[in-house]
Protein backbone atom coordinates (compact mmCIF):
# COMPACT_ATOMS: atom_id res chain seq x y z
CA MET A 1 290.18 -10.61 85.36
CA VAL A 2 290.95 -8.40 82.28
CA LEU A 3 289.24 -9.33 79.17
CA GLY A 4 291.02 -9.33 75.86
CA SER A 5 289.36 -7.91 72.60
CA TYR A 6 287.49 -11.16 72.13
CA GLY A 7 285.45 -10.92 75.26
CA TRP A 8 283.90 -7.81 73.54
CA THR A 9 283.32 -9.34 70.61
CA ARG A 10 279.46 -9.75 68.88
CA SER A 11 279.83 -13.51 69.90
CA ALA A 12 280.95 -13.54 73.15
CA PHE A 13 277.69 -11.75 74.48
CA SER A 14 274.86 -14.29 75.52
CA HIS A 15 271.80 -13.36 72.70
CA LYS A 16 269.38 -14.69 75.68
CA SER A 17 267.52 -11.93 77.55
CA LYS A 18 268.90 -10.99 81.15
CA LEU A 19 265.13 -9.61 82.34
CA ASP A 20 261.68 -11.95 82.68
CA SER A 21 259.95 -8.76 81.58
CA ILE A 22 261.70 -8.05 78.37
CA CYS A 23 260.67 -12.20 77.81
CA ASN A 24 257.40 -11.76 78.54
CA ASN A 25 257.48 -9.05 75.74
CA ALA A 26 256.41 -6.20 77.70
CA TYR A 27 256.97 -3.78 74.58
CA GLU A 28 254.68 -5.75 72.34
CA VAL A 29 252.14 -5.91 75.26
CA PHE A 30 252.11 -1.94 76.01
CA ASN A 31 252.50 -1.04 72.51
CA ALA A 32 248.91 -3.14 72.05
CA LYS A 33 247.28 -1.47 75.04
CA ILE A 34 248.35 2.08 73.53
CA LYS A 35 247.24 1.13 70.01
CA ASP A 36 243.85 2.44 70.02
CA ALA A 37 244.78 5.25 72.39
CA ARG A 38 247.45 6.73 69.48
CA ALA A 39 244.91 8.00 67.55
CA LYS A 40 243.23 10.11 70.17
CA PRO A 41 244.68 13.88 71.16
CA ILE A 42 248.24 13.62 73.33
CA ILE A 43 246.78 14.43 76.80
CA THR A 44 244.26 11.78 75.97
CA LEU A 45 247.23 9.52 75.34
CA LEU A 46 248.75 10.57 78.26
CA GLU A 47 246.43 9.85 80.49
CA GLU A 48 245.39 6.38 78.76
CA VAL A 49 248.94 5.24 79.25
CA ARG A 50 249.25 6.56 82.60
CA MET A 51 246.26 4.23 83.74
CA PHE A 52 247.22 1.40 82.24
CA LEU A 53 250.74 2.20 83.70
CA MET A 54 249.19 2.45 87.66
CA GLN A 55 246.37 -0.35 86.67
CA THR A 56 249.83 -2.79 85.74
CA ILE A 57 252.11 -1.72 88.60
CA ALA A 58 249.07 -2.29 91.11
CA LYS A 59 248.48 -6.05 89.83
CA ASN A 60 252.15 -6.51 90.66
CA LYS A 61 252.03 -5.12 93.94
CA VAL A 62 248.95 -7.07 94.76
CA LYS A 63 251.02 -10.33 93.27
CA LEU A 64 254.33 -9.59 95.50
CA ASN A 65 252.16 -8.43 98.50
CA ASN A 66 250.60 -12.07 98.53
CA HIS A 67 254.05 -13.75 97.72
CA THR A 68 255.89 -15.40 100.91
CA GLY A 69 259.08 -16.22 100.82
CA VAL A 70 262.49 -15.01 99.88
CA LEU A 71 262.83 -16.21 96.13
CA THR A 72 259.83 -15.03 93.68
CA PRO A 73 258.62 -18.27 91.46
CA VAL A 74 260.81 -17.70 88.33
CA ILE A 75 264.14 -17.76 90.60
CA LYS A 76 262.86 -20.86 92.35
CA SER A 77 261.68 -22.04 89.27
CA ARG A 78 264.95 -21.67 88.01
CA LEU A 79 267.05 -22.88 90.60
CA GLU A 80 265.34 -26.18 90.80
CA LYS A 81 265.61 -27.21 87.14
CA VAL A 82 269.83 -26.44 87.85
CA ARG A 83 269.69 -28.36 91.13
CA LYS A 84 268.04 -31.70 88.91
CA GLU A 85 270.81 -31.04 86.55
CA SER A 86 273.07 -30.77 89.06
CA LYS A 87 273.12 -34.54 89.98
CA ASN A 88 275.22 -35.02 87.09
CA TRP A 89 278.03 -32.68 87.37
CA LYS A 90 281.09 -34.09 88.60
CA PRO A 91 283.58 -31.81 90.28
CA ILE A 92 287.03 -30.79 88.26
C-alpha cells in the first residue's frame, strides 16, 4: 500500500518513542554519569565512559541471563494490557 503525501506529514507520525531505552531517558542518564568526567583529560574521560558502558552492558547481560521465557517483562505487560482491553473490541 502506497501512502500519499499526507502520510509523510508531521501529523501522520507518532510522537511516542519507539524504543524503551529512549523512554527511560538513557541519554539523560548517560550525560549525568559522565558530567564529572567532562572536566578531565580526554583519555581519562574516554576510560570512564568505557567503564560505565562495560558495567551497564554487564548488568543487562546478567538480567537477560536470569530471564526465562520468550518475551521480555515489558512486552508481557503491554500484551496483557492489550488483552484486557480487547474484551471490549467488536469485529467489523
